[in-house]
C-alpha atoms as a PDB file:
ATOM      1  CA  MET A   1     -41.868  34.790  -8.767  1.00  0.00           C
ATOM      2  CA  MET A   2     -42.605  37.847 -10.207  1.00  0.00           C
ATOM      3  CA  THR A   3     -44.409  39.814  -7.686  1.00  0.00           C
ATOM      4  CA  HIS A   4     -48.336  41.396  -8.950  1.00  0.00           C
ATOM      5  CA  LEU A   5     -48.960  44.987  -8.940  1.00  0.00           C
ATOM      6  CA  SER A   6     -52.296  44.527  -7.070  1.00  0.00           C
ATOM      7  CA  ASP A   7     -50.164  43.197  -3.928  1.00  0.00           C
ATOM      8  CA  GLU A   8     -50.158  45.089  -0.830  1.00  0.00           C
ATOM      9  CA  SER A   9     -46.306  45.040  -1.054  1.00  0.00           C
ATOM     10  CA  GLN A  10     -46.184  47.675  -4.153  1.00  0.00           C
ATOM     11  CA  LYS A  11     -49.195  49.591  -2.963  1.00  0.00           C
ATOM     12  CA  GLN A  12     -46.308  52.595  -2.843  1.00  0.00           C
ATOM     13  CA  SER A  13     -45.432  52.342  -6.683  1.00  0.00           C
ATOM     14  CA  ARG A  14     -49.220  51.903  -6.932  1.00  0.00           C
ATOM     15  CA  LEU A  15     -49.425  55.107  -5.348  1.00  0.00           C
ATOM     16  CA  GLU A  16     -46.376  57.148  -7.599  1.00  0.00           C
ATOM     17  CA  MET A  17     -48.013  55.157 -10.971  1.00  0.00           C
ATOM     18  CA  ILE A  18     -51.306  57.409 -10.004  1.00  0.00           C
ATOM     19  CA  ARG A  19     -49.602  60.648  -8.584  1.00  0.00           C
ATOM     20  CA  GLN A  20     -47.319  60.276 -12.435  1.00  0.00           C
ATOM     21  CA  ALA A  21     -50.348  59.823 -14.362  1.00  0.00           C
ATOM     22  CA  LEU A  22     -52.013  62.968 -12.527  1.00  0.00           C
ATOM     23  CA  LYS A  23     -48.971  64.654 -12.687  1.00  0.00           C
ATOM     24  CA  GLU A  24     -48.483  64.584 -16.744  1.00  0.00           C
ATOM     25  CA  LYS A  25     -52.233  64.391 -17.523  1.00  0.00           C
ATOM     26  CA  ALA A  26     -54.345  66.598 -15.208  1.00  0.00           C
ATOM     27  CA  PRO A  27     -51.583  68.514 -13.826  1.00  0.00           C
ATOM     28  CA  ALA A  28     -53.665  72.307 -12.297  1.00  0.00           C
ATOM     29  CA  ARG A  29     -55.553  68.958 -10.885  1.00  0.00           C
ATOM     30  CA  TYR A  30     -52.709  67.851  -9.121  1.00  0.00           C
ATOM     31  CA  SER A  31     -51.135  70.944  -8.048  1.00  0.00           C
ATOM     32  CA  GLU A  32     -54.543  72.364  -6.306  1.00  0.00           C
ATOM     33  CA  LEU A  33     -54.354  68.943  -4.544  1.00  0.00           C
ATOM     34  CA  GLU A  34     -50.863  69.310  -3.586  1.00  0.00           C
ATOM     35  CA  ALA A  35     -50.833  73.166  -2.706  1.00  0.00           C
ATOM     36  CA  SER A  36     -54.469  72.384  -0.442  1.00  0.00           C
ATOM     37  CA  GLY A  37     -52.443  69.180   1.441  1.00  0.00           C
ATOM     38  CA  ASN A  38     -55.107  66.996   0.018  1.00  0.00           C
ATOM     39  CA  LEU A  39     -52.621  64.213  -2.618  1.00  0.00           C
ATOM     40  CA  GLN A  40     -52.023  61.779  -0.700  1.00  0.00           C
ATOM     41  CA  ALA A  41     -55.480  61.421   0.536  1.00  0.00           C
ATOM     42  CA  PHE A  42     -56.491  61.715  -3.206  1.00  0.00           C
ATOM     43  CA  LEU A  43     -53.765  59.114  -3.832  1.00  0.00           C
ATOM     44  CA  GLU A  44     -54.862  56.845  -1.534  1.00  0.00           C
ATOM     45  CA  GLU A  45     -58.261  56.985  -2.280  1.00  0.00           C
ATOM     46  CA  HIS A  46     -57.742  56.163  -5.860  1.00  0.00           C
ATOM     47  CA  ASP A  47     -55.702  53.215  -5.203  1.00  0.00           C
ATOM     48  CA  ALA A  48     -58.596  51.643  -3.290  1.00  0.00           C
ATOM     49  CA  GLU A  49     -61.020  52.278  -5.844  1.00  0.00           C
ATOM     50  CA  MET A  50     -58.675  50.938  -8.423  1.00  0.00           C
ATOM     51  CA  LEU A  51     -57.882  48.230  -6.869  1.00  0.00           C
ATOM     52  CA  SER A  52     -61.997  47.349  -5.854  1.00  0.00           C
ATOM     53  CA  CYS A  53     -62.805  47.551  -9.533  1.00  0.00           C
ATOM     54  CA  TYR A  54     -59.642  45.401 -10.244  1.00  0.00           C
ATOM     55  CA  ASN A  55     -60.793  42.784  -7.933  1.00  0.00           C
ATOM     56  CA  ASP A  56     -64.169  43.110  -9.148  1.00  0.00           C
ATOM     57  CA  ALA A  57     -62.542  42.546 -12.320  1.00  0.00           C
ATOM     58  CA  ILE A  58     -60.881  39.527 -11.332  1.00  0.00           C
ATOM     59  CA  LYS A  59     -63.733  37.545  -9.709  1.00  0.00           C
ATOM     60  CA  GLU A  60     -66.131  38.174 -12.714  1.00  0.00           C
ATOM     61  CA  ALA A  61     -63.524  37.101 -14.858  1.00  0.00           C
ATOM     62  CA  TRP A  62     -63.138  33.768 -12.942  1.00  0.00           C
ATOM     63  CA  GLU A  63     -67.178  33.021 -12.355  1.00  0.00           C
ATOM     64  CA  ASN A  64     -67.140  33.534 -16.268  1.00  0.00           C
ATOM     65  CA  THR A  65     -63.921  30.505 -16.493  1.00  0.00           C
ATOM     66  CA  LEU A  66     -66.079  28.211 -14.134  1.00  0.00           C
ATOM     67  CA  GLU A  67     -69.462  28.363 -16.191  1.00  0.00           C
ATOM     68  CA  ARG A  68     -67.235  28.255 -19.248  1.00  0.00           C
ATOM     69  CA  PHE A  69     -64.922  25.376 -18.026  1.00  0.00           C
ATOM     70  CA  LEU A  70     -67.981  23.638 -15.619  1.00  0.00           C
ATOM     71  CA  GLY A  71     -70.746  24.721 -16.771  1.00  0.00           C
ATOM     72  CA  PHE A  72     -71.793  21.034 -17.913  1.00  0.00           C
ATOM     73  CA  SER A  73     -75.125  20.204 -19.401  1.00  0.00           C
ATOM     74  CA  ASP A  74     -77.001  16.875 -21.141  1.00  0.00           C
ATOM     75  CA  LEU A  75     -78.771  19.290 -23.211  1.00  0.00           C
ATOM     76  CA  ASP A  76     -76.140  18.859 -26.198  1.00  0.00           C
ATOM     77  CA  PHE A  77     -74.757  16.007 -25.375  1.00  0.00           C
ATOM     78  CA  ASP A  78     -74.281  13.824 -28.708  1.00  0.00           C
ATOM     79  CA  GLU A  79     -73.723  10.200 -28.619  1.00  0.00           C
ATOM     80  CA  THR A  80     -72.418   9.790 -31.588  1.00  0.00           C
ATOM     81  CA  THR A  81     -69.646  12.368 -31.057  1.00  0.00           C
ATOM     82  CA  LEU A  82     -67.764  10.156 -28.346  1.00  0.00           C
ATOM     83  CA  PRO A  83     -64.921   8.375 -29.648  1.00  0.00           C
ATOM     84  CA  MET A  84     -65.665   4.272 -30.384  1.00  0.00           C
ATOM     85  CA  GLY A  85     -63.729   2.192 -27.421  1.00  0.00           C
END
């Protein structure tokens, strides 16, 4: 079974992914955080924010899915479309 990157066991992988992206895309900020000793705290905070956003998106997607597939109503019921039995 594949372990999802959002699993707690994958935290170090996520932190490394964030660190690498920061280093490549914002090298001055990376250097400043590293020199000030705040890099690890930044990575941890960014990881927490990223997971929170992910979890909110998953929750919203699930709620939308439930509404779409379980939101039955007789208002749009058309008896003429039922199979004859």
